[in-house]
C-alpha atoms as a PDB file:
ATOM      1  CA  UNK A   1     -14.933 -17.559 -18.775  1.00  0.00           C
ATOM      2  CA  UNK A   2     -13.005 -15.728 -15.667  1.00  0.00           C
ATOM      3  CA  UNK A   3     -13.097 -11.862 -16.450  1.00  0.00           C
ATOM      4  CA  UNK A   4      -9.253 -11.930 -15.496  1.00  0.00           C
ATOM      5  CA  UNK A   5      -8.708 -14.631 -18.727  1.00  0.00           C
ATOM      6  CA  UNK A   6     -10.733 -12.665 -21.011  1.00  0.00           C
ATOM      7  CA  UNK A   7      -9.046  -9.128 -20.489  1.00  0.00           C
ATOM      8  CA  UNK A   8      -5.446 -10.851 -20.205  1.00  0.00           C
ATOM      9  CA  UNK A   9      -6.403 -12.411 -23.557  1.00  0.00           C
ATOM     10  CA  UNK A  10      -7.656  -9.366 -25.188  1.00  0.00           C
ATOM     11  CA  UNK A  11      -4.606  -7.479 -23.692  1.00  0.00           C
ATOM     12  CA  UNK A  12      -2.137  -9.833 -24.853  1.00  0.00           C
ATOM     13  CA  UNK A  13      -3.632 -10.252 -28.334  1.00  0.00           C
ATOM     14  CA  UNK A  14      -3.722  -6.178 -28.591  1.00  0.00           C
ATOM     15  CA  UNK A  15      -0.101  -5.949 -27.625  1.00  0.00           C
ATOM     16  CA  UNK A  16       1.116  -8.435 -30.189  1.00  0.00           C
ATOM     17  CA  UNK A  17      -1.292  -7.546 -32.994  1.00  0.00           C
ATOM     18  CA  UNK A  18      -0.416  -3.218 -32.065  1.00  0.00           C
ATOM     19  CA  UNK A  19       2.398  -3.124 -29.863  1.00  0.00           C
ATOM     20  CA  UNK A  20       5.823  -1.318 -30.389  1.00  0.00           C
ATOM     21  CA  UNK A  21       8.993  -3.108 -30.527  1.00  0.00           C
ATOM     22  CA  UNK A  22      11.840  -1.795 -28.340  1.00  0.00           C
ATOM     23  CA  UNK A  23      14.842  -3.846 -30.514  1.00  0.00           C
ATOM     24  CA  UNK A  24      16.182  -0.317 -31.775  1.00  0.00           C
ATOM     25  CA  UNK A  25      16.854   0.647 -28.035  1.00  0.00           C
ATOM     26  CA  UNK A  26      19.320  -0.066 -25.277  1.00  0.00           C
ATOM     27  CA  UNK A  27      17.561  -2.044 -22.812  1.00  0.00           C
ATOM     28  CA  UNK A  28      18.133  -2.591 -18.987  1.00  0.00           C
ATOM     29  CA  UNK A  29      16.734  -5.862 -18.386  1.00  0.00           C
ATOM     30  CA  UNK A  30      18.795  -9.046 -19.242  1.00  0.00           C
ATOM     31  CA  UNK A  31      18.503 -12.627 -19.450  1.00  0.00           C
ATOM     32  CA  UNK A  32      20.485 -15.377 -17.479  1.00  0.00           C
ATOM     33  CA  UNK A  33      22.764 -15.728 -20.689  1.00  0.00           C
ATOM     34  CA  UNK A  34      23.831 -11.699 -20.488  1.00  0.00           C
ATOM     35  CA  UNK A  35      21.229 -11.259 -23.704  1.00  0.00           C
ATOM     36  CA  UNK A  36      19.279  -8.180 -23.509  1.00  0.00           C
ATOM     37  CA  UNK A  37      15.354  -8.721 -22.720  1.00  0.00           C
ATOM     38  CA  UNK A  38      13.346  -6.772 -25.302  1.00  0.00           C
ATOM     39  CA  UNK A  39       9.724  -6.268 -25.286  1.00  0.00           C
ATOM     40  CA  UNK A  40       6.617  -5.358 -27.460  1.00  0.00           C
ATOM     41  CA  UNK A  41       4.199  -3.128 -25.803  1.00  0.00           C
ATOM     42  CA  UNK A  42       1.048  -1.018 -25.550  1.00  0.00           C
ATOM     43  CA  UNK A  43       0.720   2.201 -23.455  1.00  0.00           C
ATOM     44  CA  UNK A  44      -2.103   3.072 -21.363  1.00  0.00           C
ATOM     45  CA  UNK A  45      -4.129   0.059 -20.622  1.00  0.00           C
ATOM     46  CA  UNK A  46      -6.714   0.371 -18.523  1.00  0.00           C
ATOM     47  CA  UNK A  47      -8.841  -3.039 -17.054  1.00  0.00           C
ATOM     48  CA  UNK A  48     -11.753  -2.866 -14.404  1.00  0.00           C
ATOM     49  CA  UNK A  49     -12.557  -5.742 -12.289  1.00  0.00           C
ATOM     50  CA  UNK A  50     -15.771  -5.930 -10.436  1.00  0.00           C
ATOM     51  CA  UNK A  51     -15.102  -7.937  -7.514  1.00  0.00           C
ATOM     52  CA  UNK A  52     -18.791  -8.221  -6.534  1.00  0.00           C
ATOM     53  CA  UNK A  53     -19.147 -10.219  -9.639  1.00  0.00           C
ATOM     54  CA  UNK A  54     -16.177 -12.618  -9.131  1.00  0.00           C
ATOM     55  CA  UNK A  55     -12.697 -12.853  -7.886  1.00  0.00           C
ATOM     56  CA  UNK A  56     -10.069 -11.917 -10.936  1.00  0.00           C
ATOM     57  CA  UNK A  57      -7.831 -14.773 -11.081  1.00  0.00           C
ATOM     58  CA  UNK A  58      -6.382 -16.498 -14.210  1.00  0.00           C
ATOM     59  CA  UNK A  59      -7.395 -19.832 -15.143  1.00  0.00           C
ATOM     60  CA  UNK A  60      -5.408 -20.353 -18.362  1.00  0.00           C
ATOM     61  CA  UNK A  61      -2.988 -20.890 -16.216  1.00  0.00           C
ATOM     62  CA  UNK A  62      -1.931 -21.818 -12.563  1.00  0.00           C
ATOM     63  CA  UNK A  63      -1.748 -18.868 -10.613  1.00  0.00           C
ATOM     64  CA  UNK A  64      -0.143 -19.228  -7.077  1.00  0.00           C
ATOM     65  CA  UNK A  65      -2.704 -17.322  -4.699  1.00  0.00           C
ATOM     66  CA  UNK A  66      -0.914 -18.098  -1.213  1.00  0.00           C
ATOM     67  CA  UNK A  67       2.515 -17.406  -2.517  1.00  0.00           C
ATOM     68  CA  UNK A  68       0.848 -13.727  -4.003  1.00  0.00           C
ATOM     69  CA  UNK A  69      -1.082 -12.861  -0.423  1.00  0.00           C
ATOM     70  CA  UNK A  70       2.204 -13.803   1.220  1.00  0.00           C
ATOM     71  CA  UNK A  71       3.856 -10.891  -0.911  1.00  0.00           C
ATOM     72  CA  UNK A  72       1.119  -8.561  -0.253  1.00  0.00           C
ATOM     73  CA  UNK A  73       1.349  -9.083   3.127  1.00  0.00           C
ATOM     74  CA  UNK A  74       5.027  -8.480   3.301  1.00  0.00           C
ATOM     75  CA  UNK A  75       4.357  -5.028   1.801  1.00  0.00           C
ATOM     76  CA  UNK A  76       1.353  -4.067   3.256  1.00  0.00           C
ATOM     77  CA  UNK A  77       1.297  -5.766   6.748  1.00  0.00           C
ATOM     78  CA  UNK A  78       4.628  -6.323   7.682  1.00  0.00           C
ATOM     79  CA  UNK A  79       5.756  -3.113   5.648  1.00  0.00           C
ATOM     80  CA  UNK A  80       8.907  -4.824   5.252  1.00  0.00           C
ATOM     81  CA  UNK A  81      11.894  -4.109   2.707  1.00  0.00           C
ATOM     82  CA  UNK A  82      13.972  -7.432   3.599  1.00  0.00           C
ATOM     83  CA  UNK A  83      13.632 -10.553   2.099  1.00  0.00           C
ATOM     84  CA  UNK A  84      13.774 -12.762   5.348  1.00  0.00           C
ATOM     85  CA  UNK A  85      10.321 -12.001   6.022  1.00  0.00           C
ATOM     86  CA  UNK A  86       9.144 -13.380   2.860  1.00  0.00           C
ATOM     87  CA  UNK A  87       8.314 -17.126   2.483  1.00  0.00           C
ATOM     88  CA  UNK A  88       8.813 -17.163  -1.353  1.00  0.00           C
ATOM     89  CA  UNK A  89      12.104 -16.269  -3.149  1.00  0.00           C
ATOM     90  CA  UNK A  90      10.869 -13.905  -5.734  1.00  0.00           C
ATOM     91  CA  UNK A  91      12.970 -11.031  -4.483  1.00  0.00           C
ATOM     92  CA  UNK A  92      16.200 -12.804  -4.390  1.00  0.00           C
ATOM     93  CA  UNK A  93      17.620 -11.110  -7.302  1.00  0.00           C
ATOM     94  CA  UNK A  94      17.034  -7.699  -5.662  1.00  0.00           C
ATOM     95  CA  UNK A  95      18.413  -8.071  -2.233  1.00  0.00           C
ATOM     96  CA  UNK A  96      21.509  -7.122  -0.935  1.00  0.00           C
ATOM     97  CA  UNK A  97      23.979  -9.297   1.399  1.00  0.00           C
ATOM     98  CA  UNK A  98      21.541  -8.221   4.202  1.00  0.00           C
ATOM     99  CA  UNK A  99      18.305  -9.577   2.774  1.00  0.00           C
ATOM    100  CA  UNK A 100      17.622  -5.633   1.932  1.00  0.00           C
ATOM    101  CA  UNK A 101      16.048  -4.327  -0.916  1.00  0.00           C
ATOM    102  CA  UNK A 102      16.737  -0.410   0.087  1.00  0.00           C
ATOM    103  CA  UNK A 103      13.824   1.911   0.824  1.00  0.00           C
ATOM    104  CA  UNK A 104      11.163   0.597  -1.430  1.00  0.00           C
ATOM    105  CA  UNK A 105       8.003  -1.093  -1.110  1.00  0.00           C
ATOM    106  CA  UNK A 106       6.882  -1.777   2.529  1.00  0.00           C
ATOM    107  CA  UNK A 107       9.688   0.530   3.495  1.00  0.00           C
ATOM    108  CA  UNK A 108       7.538   3.133   2.332  1.00  0.00           C
ATOM    109  CA  UNK A 109       4.440   2.138   3.650  1.00  0.00           C
ATOM    110  CA  UNK A 110       5.879   2.231   6.951  1.00  0.00           C
ATOM    111  CA  UNK A 111       7.113   5.592   7.294  1.00  0.00           C
ATOM    112  CA  UNK A 112       5.048   7.500  10.134  1.00  0.00           C
ATOM    113  CA  UNK A 113       3.845  10.803   9.556  1.00  0.00           C
ATOM    114  CA  UNK A 114       2.145  13.111  12.131  1.00  0.00           C
ATOM    115  CA  UNK A 115      -1.769  14.085  11.745  1.00  0.00           C
ATOM    116  CA  UNK A 116      -3.639  15.837  14.064  1.00  0.00           C
ATOM    117  CA  UNK A 117      -5.154  12.576  14.778  1.00  0.00           C
ATOM    118  CA  UNK A 118      -1.927  11.266  15.861  1.00  0.00           C
ATOM    119  CA  UNK A 119       0.851   9.565  14.359  1.00  0.00           C
ATOM    120  CA  UNK A 120       0.269   6.935  11.199  1.00  0.00           C
ATOM    121  CA  UNK A 121       1.774   5.358   8.630  1.00  0.00           C
ATOM    122  CA  UNK A 122       0.276   4.834   4.882  1.00  0.00           C
ATOM    123  CA  UNK A 123      -1.614   2.152   5.473  1.00  0.00           C
ATOM    124  CA  UNK A 124      -2.841   2.961   9.168  1.00  0.00           C
ATOM    125  CA  UNK A 125      -4.178   6.388   7.591  1.00  0.00           C
ATOM    126  CA  UNK A 126      -6.499   4.247   4.936  1.00  0.00           C
ATOM    127  CA  UNK A 127      -7.588   2.144   7.647  1.00  0.00           C
ATOM    128  CA  UNK A 128      -8.395   5.333   9.664  1.00  0.00           C
ATOM    129  CA  UNK A 129      -9.965   7.154   7.161  1.00  0.00           C
ATOM    130  CA  UNK A 130     -11.977   4.320   5.389  1.00  0.00           C
ATOM    131  CA  UNK A 131     -13.713   4.287   8.891  1.00  0.00           C
ATOM    132  CA  UNK A 132     -13.683   7.518  10.085  1.00  0.00           C
ATOM    133  CA  UNK A 133     -14.013   9.726   6.961  1.00  0.00           C
ATOM    134  CA  UNK A 134     -15.133   7.217   4.167  1.00  0.00           C
ATOM    135  CA  UNK A 135     -16.134  10.419   1.986  1.00  0.00           C
ATOM    136  CA  UNK A 136     -12.740  11.719   1.452  1.00  0.00           C
ATOM    137  CA  UNK A 137     -11.294  11.772  -1.742  1.00  0.00           C
ATOM    138  CA  UNK A 138      -7.830  11.805  -0.457  1.00  0.00           C
ATOM    139  CA  UNK A 139      -7.394   7.854   0.704  1.00  0.00           C
ATOM    140  CA  UNK A 140      -4.623   6.807  -1.318  1.00  0.00           C
ATOM    141  CA  UNK A 141      -0.940   5.489  -0.550  1.00  0.00           C
ATOM    142  CA  UNK A 142       1.965   6.278  -2.884  1.00  0.00           C
ATOM    143  CA  UNK A 143       5.198   4.141  -2.790  1.00  0.00           C
ATOM    144  CA  UNK A 144       7.085   6.636  -5.715  1.00  0.00           C
ATOM    145  CA  UNK A 145       9.277   8.836  -3.224  1.00  0.00           C
ATOM    146  CA  UNK A 146      11.861  10.521  -5.449  1.00  0.00           C
ATOM    147  CA  UNK A 147      13.609  11.709  -2.283  1.00  0.00           C
ATOM    148  CA  UNK A 148      14.496   7.863  -1.827  1.00  0.00           C
ATOM    149  CA  UNK A 149      14.603   6.393  -5.512  1.00  0.00           C
ATOM    150  CA  UNK A 150      18.203   6.413  -5.233  1.00  0.00           C
ATOM    151  CA  UNK A 151      18.351   4.166  -2.373  1.00  0.00           C
ATOM    152  CA  UNK A 152      15.728   1.323  -3.875  1.00  0.00           C
ATOM    153  CA  UNK A 153      16.993  -1.791  -5.543  1.00  0.00           C
ATOM    154  CA  UNK A 154      14.098  -1.648  -7.948  1.00  0.00           C
ATOM    155  CA  UNK A 155      11.522   1.380  -8.627  1.00  0.00           C
ATOM    156  CA  UNK A 156       7.817   0.647  -7.444  1.00  0.00           C
ATOM    157  CA  UNK A 157       6.004  -1.284 -10.219  1.00  0.00           C
ATOM    158  CA  UNK A 158       2.591  -1.027  -8.923  1.00  0.00           C
ATOM    159  CA  UNK A 159       3.050   2.137  -7.057  1.00  0.00           C
ATOM    160  CA  UNK A 160       0.130   3.493  -5.828  1.00  0.00           C
ATOM    161  CA  UNK A 161      -3.354   2.551  -4.461  1.00  0.00           C
ATOM    162  CA  UNK A 162      -6.534   5.260  -4.537  1.00  0.00           C
ATOM    163  CA  UNK A 163      -9.572   4.113  -2.453  1.00  0.00           C
ATOM    164  CA  UNK A 164     -12.982   5.359  -3.151  1.00  0.00           C
ATOM    165  CA  UNK A 165     -16.071   4.800  -0.880  1.00  0.00           C
ATOM    166  CA  UNK A 166     -19.397   5.130  -2.954  1.00  0.00           C
ATOM    167  CA  UNK A 167     -22.187   4.399  -0.284  1.00  0.00           C
ATOM    168  CA  UNK A 168     -21.208   1.130   1.855  1.00  0.00           C
ATOM    169  CA  UNK A 169     -18.962   0.110  -1.560  1.00  0.00           C
ATOM    170  CA  UNK A 170     -15.105   0.413  -1.500  1.00  0.00           C
ATOM    171  CA  UNK A 171     -13.483   0.800  -4.776  1.00  0.00           C
ATOM    172  CA  UNK A 172     -10.082   1.438  -5.535  1.00  0.00           C
ATOM    173  CA  UNK A 173      -7.734   2.179  -8.751  1.00  0.00           C
ATOM    174  CA  UNK A 174      -4.247   0.610  -8.886  1.00  0.00           C
ATOM    175  CA  UNK A 175      -1.779   2.349 -10.922  1.00  0.00           C
ATOM    176  CA  UNK A 176       1.135   0.701 -12.161  1.00  0.00           C
ATOM    177  CA  UNK A 177       4.236   2.258 -13.971  1.00  0.00           C
ATOM    178  CA  UNK A 178       5.266  -1.111 -15.711  1.00  0.00           C
ATOM    179  CA  UNK A 179       3.912  -4.381 -16.333  1.00  0.00           C
ATOM    180  CA  UNK A 180       5.677  -7.702 -17.541  1.00  0.00           C
ATOM    181  CA  UNK A 181       2.185  -9.517 -18.809  1.00  0.00           C
ATOM    182  CA  UNK A 182       3.122 -13.054 -18.447  1.00  0.00           C
ATOM    183  CA  UNK A 183       4.585 -13.130 -15.157  1.00  0.00           C
ATOM    184  CA  UNK A 184       2.895 -10.201 -13.188  1.00  0.00           C
ATOM    185  CA  UNK A 185      -0.349  -9.210 -14.509  1.00  0.00           C
ATOM    186  CA  UNK A 186      -2.313 -12.139 -12.897  1.00  0.00           C
ATOM    187  CA  UNK A 187      -0.279 -12.093  -9.970  1.00  0.00           C
ATOM    188  CA  UNK A 188      -1.011  -8.264  -9.239  1.00  0.00           C
ATOM    189  CA  UNK A 189      -4.375  -8.116 -10.084  1.00  0.00           C
ATOM    190  CA  UNK A 190      -5.695 -11.100  -7.650  1.00  0.00           C
ATOM    191  CA  UNK A 191      -3.275  -9.430  -5.054  1.00  0.00           C
ATOM    192  CA  UNK A 192      -4.811  -6.034  -5.084  1.00  0.00           C
ATOM    193  CA  UNK A 193      -7.862  -7.676  -5.415  1.00  0.00           C
ATOM    194  CA  UNK A 194      -7.448  -9.427  -2.100  1.00  0.00           C
ATOM    195  CA  UNK A 195      -6.461  -6.215  -0.755  1.00  0.00           C
ATOM    196  CA  UNK A 196      -9.773  -4.281  -1.754  1.00  0.00           C
ATOM    197  CA  UNK A 197     -11.088  -7.502   0.074  1.00  0.00           C
ATOM    198  CA  UNK A 198      -9.300  -6.913   2.991  1.00  0.00           C
ATOM    199  CA  UNK A 199      -9.917  -3.311   3.461  1.00  0.00           C
ATOM    200  CA  UNK A 200     -13.387  -3.750   2.683  1.00  0.00           C
ATOM    201  CA  UNK A 201     -13.988  -6.290   5.685  1.00  0.00           C
ATOM    202  CA  UNK A 202     -12.340  -4.420   8.213  1.00  0.00           C
ATOM    203  CA  UNK A 203     -13.772  -1.265   7.359  1.00  0.00           C
ATOM    204  CA  UNK A 204     -17.469  -2.498   7.201  1.00  0.00           C
ATOM    205  CA  UNK A 205     -17.480  -2.331   3.402  1.00  0.00           C
ATOM    206  CA  UNK A 206     -18.379  -4.445   0.495  1.00  0.00           C
ATOM    207  CA  UNK A 207     -15.668  -4.741  -2.094  1.00  0.00           C
ATOM    208  CA  UNK A 208     -16.544  -2.973  -5.374  1.00  0.00           C
ATOM    209  CA  UNK A 209     -14.257  -2.253  -8.436  1.00  0.00           C
ATOM    210  CA  UNK A 210     -10.511  -2.844  -8.886  1.00  0.00           C
ATOM    211  CA  UNK A 211      -9.404  -0.383 -12.044  1.00  0.00           C
ATOM    212  CA  UNK A 212      -6.000  -1.524 -12.815  1.00  0.00           C
ATOM    213  CA  UNK A 213      -4.006   1.149 -14.951  1.00  0.00           C
ATOM    214  CA  UNK A 214      -0.919   0.081 -16.678  1.00  0.00           C
ATOM    215  CA  UNK A 215       1.346   2.791 -17.867  1.00  0.00           C
ATOM    216  CA  UNK A 216       3.646   0.143 -19.889  1.00  0.00           C
ATOM    217  CA  UNK A 217       2.125  -3.312 -20.568  1.00  0.00           C
ATOM    218  CA  UNK A 218       4.656  -5.635 -22.585  1.00  0.00           C
ATOM    219  CA  UNK A 219       5.741  -8.858 -23.391  1.00  0.00           C
ATOM    220  CA  UNK A 220       9.334 -10.222 -23.037  1.00  0.00           C
ATOM    221  CA  UNK A 221      10.772 -11.238 -26.422  1.00  0.00           C
ATOM    222  CA  UNK A 222      11.369 -14.988 -25.077  1.00  0.00           C
ATOM    223  CA  UNK A 223       8.022 -14.879 -23.724  1.00  0.00           C
ATOM    224  CA  UNK A 224       6.225 -14.391 -26.716  1.00  0.00           C
ATOM    225  CA  UNK A 225       5.771 -18.066 -27.896  1.00  0.00           C
ATOM    226  CA  UNK A 226       4.322 -18.863 -24.005  1.00  0.00           C
ATOM    227  CA  UNK A 227       1.927 -16.045 -24.318  1.00  0.00           C
ATOM    228  CA  UNK A 228       0.590 -17.187 -27.755  1.00  0.00           C
ATOM    229  CA  UNK A 229       0.193 -20.930 -26.651  1.00  0.00           C
ATOM    230  CA  UNK A 230      -1.608 -19.814 -23.196  1.00  0.00           C
ATOM    231  CA  UNK A 231      -4.156 -17.627 -25.009  1.00  0.00           C
ATOM    232  CA  UNK A 232      -5.444 -20.277 -27.108  1.00  0.00           C
ATOM    233  CA  UNK A 233      -6.404 -22.083 -24.290  1.00  0.00           C
ATOM    234  CA  UNK A 234     -10.257 -22.874 -22.560  1.00  0.00           C
ATOM    235  CA  UNK A 235     -10.540 -20.658 -19.432  1.00  0.00           C
ATOM    236  CA  UNK A 236     -12.375 -22.072 -16.873  1.00  0.00           C
ATOM    237  CA  UNK A 237     -15.123 -20.098 -14.437  1.00  0.00           C
ATOM    238  CA  UNK A 238     -13.456 -18.097 -11.966  1.00  0.00           C
ATOM    239  CA  UNK A 239     -13.423 -19.566  -8.367  1.00  0.00           C
ATOM    240  CA  UNK A 240     -15.125 -18.084  -5.448  1.00  0.00           C
ATOM    241  CA  UNK A 241     -13.136 -16.107  -2.888  1.00  0.00           C
ATOM    242  CA  UNK A 242     -13.362 -16.846   0.827  1.00  0.00           C
ATOM    243  CA  UNK A 243     -12.213 -14.467   3.828  1.00  0.00           C
ATOM    244  CA  UNK A 244     -12.507 -15.900   7.569  1.00  0.00           C
ATOM    245  CA  UNK A 245     -15.091 -13.392   8.374  1.00  0.00           C
ATOM    246  CA  UNK A 246     -13.541 -13.528  11.954  1.00  0.00           C
ATOM    247  CA  UNK A 247     -10.897 -11.137  11.107  1.00  0.00           C
ATOM    248  CA  UNK A 248     -12.125  -7.543  11.922  1.00  0.00           C
ATOM    249  CA  UNK A 249      -8.200  -6.022  12.245  1.00  0.00           C
ATOM    250  CA  UNK A 250      -6.322  -5.783   9.137  1.00  0.00           C
ATOM    251  CA  UNK A 251      -3.262  -7.190  10.584  1.00  0.00           C
ATOM    252  CA  UNK A 252      -4.409 -10.320  11.744  1.00  0.00           C
ATOM    253  CA  UNK A 253      -4.877 -11.385   8.206  1.00  0.00           C
ATOM    254  CA  UNK A 254      -2.471 -14.470   7.149  1.00  0.00           C
ATOM    255  CA  UNK A 255      -2.404 -16.088   4.169  1.00  0.00           C
ATOM    256  CA  UNK A 256      -4.593 -18.883   5.800  1.00  0.00           C
ATOM    257  CA  UNK A 257      -7.431 -16.475   5.915  1.00  0.00           C
ATOM    258  CA  UNK A 258      -8.027 -16.867   2.111  1.00  0.00           C
ATOM    259  CA  UNK A 259      -9.768 -19.876   0.665  1.00  0.00           C
ATOM    260  CA  UNK A 260     -10.305 -20.233  -3.019  1.00  0.00           C
ATOM    261  CA  UNK A 261     -13.428 -22.610  -3.751  1.00  0.00           C
ATOM    262  CA  UNK A 262     -13.549 -24.466  -7.202  1.00  0.00           C
ATOM    263  CA  UNK A 263     -10.103 -23.128  -8.815  1.00  0.00           C
ATOM    264  CA  UNK A 264      -9.484 -24.859 -11.812  1.00  0.00           C
ATOM    265  CA  UNK A 265      -6.786 -23.753 -14.032  1.00  0.00           C
ATOM    266  CA  UNK A 266      -4.334 -25.006 -16.569  1.00  0.00           C
ATOM    267  CA  UNK A 267      -0.602 -26.085 -16.063  1.00  0.00           C
ATOM    268  CA  UNK A 268       2.233 -24.467 -17.550  1.00  0.00           C
ATOM    269  CA  UNK A 269       4.483 -26.706 -20.178  1.00  0.00           C
ATOM    270  CA  UNK A 270       7.565 -25.252 -18.792  1.00  0.00           C
ATOM    271  CA  UNK A 271       9.227 -22.872 -16.653  1.00  0.00           C
ATOM    272  CA  UNK A 272       8.895 -18.943 -17.787  1.00  0.00           C
ATOM    273  CA  UNK A 273      12.460 -17.346 -18.270  1.00  0.00           C
ATOM    274  CA  UNK A 274      13.007 -14.654 -16.421  1.00  0.00           C
ATOM    275  CA  UNK A 275      14.602 -11.123 -16.926  1.00  0.00           C
ATOM    276  CA  UNK A 276      16.223  -8.934 -14.214  1.00  0.00           C
END
């Protein structure tokens, strides 16, 4: 059984059995028909994935890994806030007429600051410190800039990464303020697991643990029947992730630098309704 499947099933069972519903509150998200999108949630969910053991991708439903990597590169490599730089259409609902999502995600990572070593943005600072200051306990990024929140189409959900080197092993913590378990959990886990592998490879390190901290882990009301069906499925073993070993520059990765060997999965029976 894939560890990603195991934790997803455990989390969803816990949310459905012991979660708190927000049906007595006014909520922002809406379904396409205009009805409020209510959720059942658990607070403070923490999951650990050992990337030395396996790559954490769900098999109880098909995960579109290359599309997830494409979005990751859009944010972390291109540092873009314009959907025209993205291959998929997952951000279309949040973009303005020019394709911009405001000062969010990639924009925040690309803002340069002056350091004694020179001008660097958040990603370049991480890459520099992993190579030159691996003992540092200050290697992190943060997208939740209060000064710019009013100019963001959506406040960042996955907002902070903390990198920590132990010996030759790179570990990381992903902090997330909110997570739609059905549509985003598997997506974010495989994205940021891939990011740890990328950072490790270009820094001469081995990918270790990814710790995922979710403040508000929730399931939308119209997703409940889909989740209930998915978590009854028999998972497959996790596939093996291969990165192109020739890539030594973080900015040289493409979505074709990644290969999943032996990925088996279940298909979804019907489209997932989306709350916006």
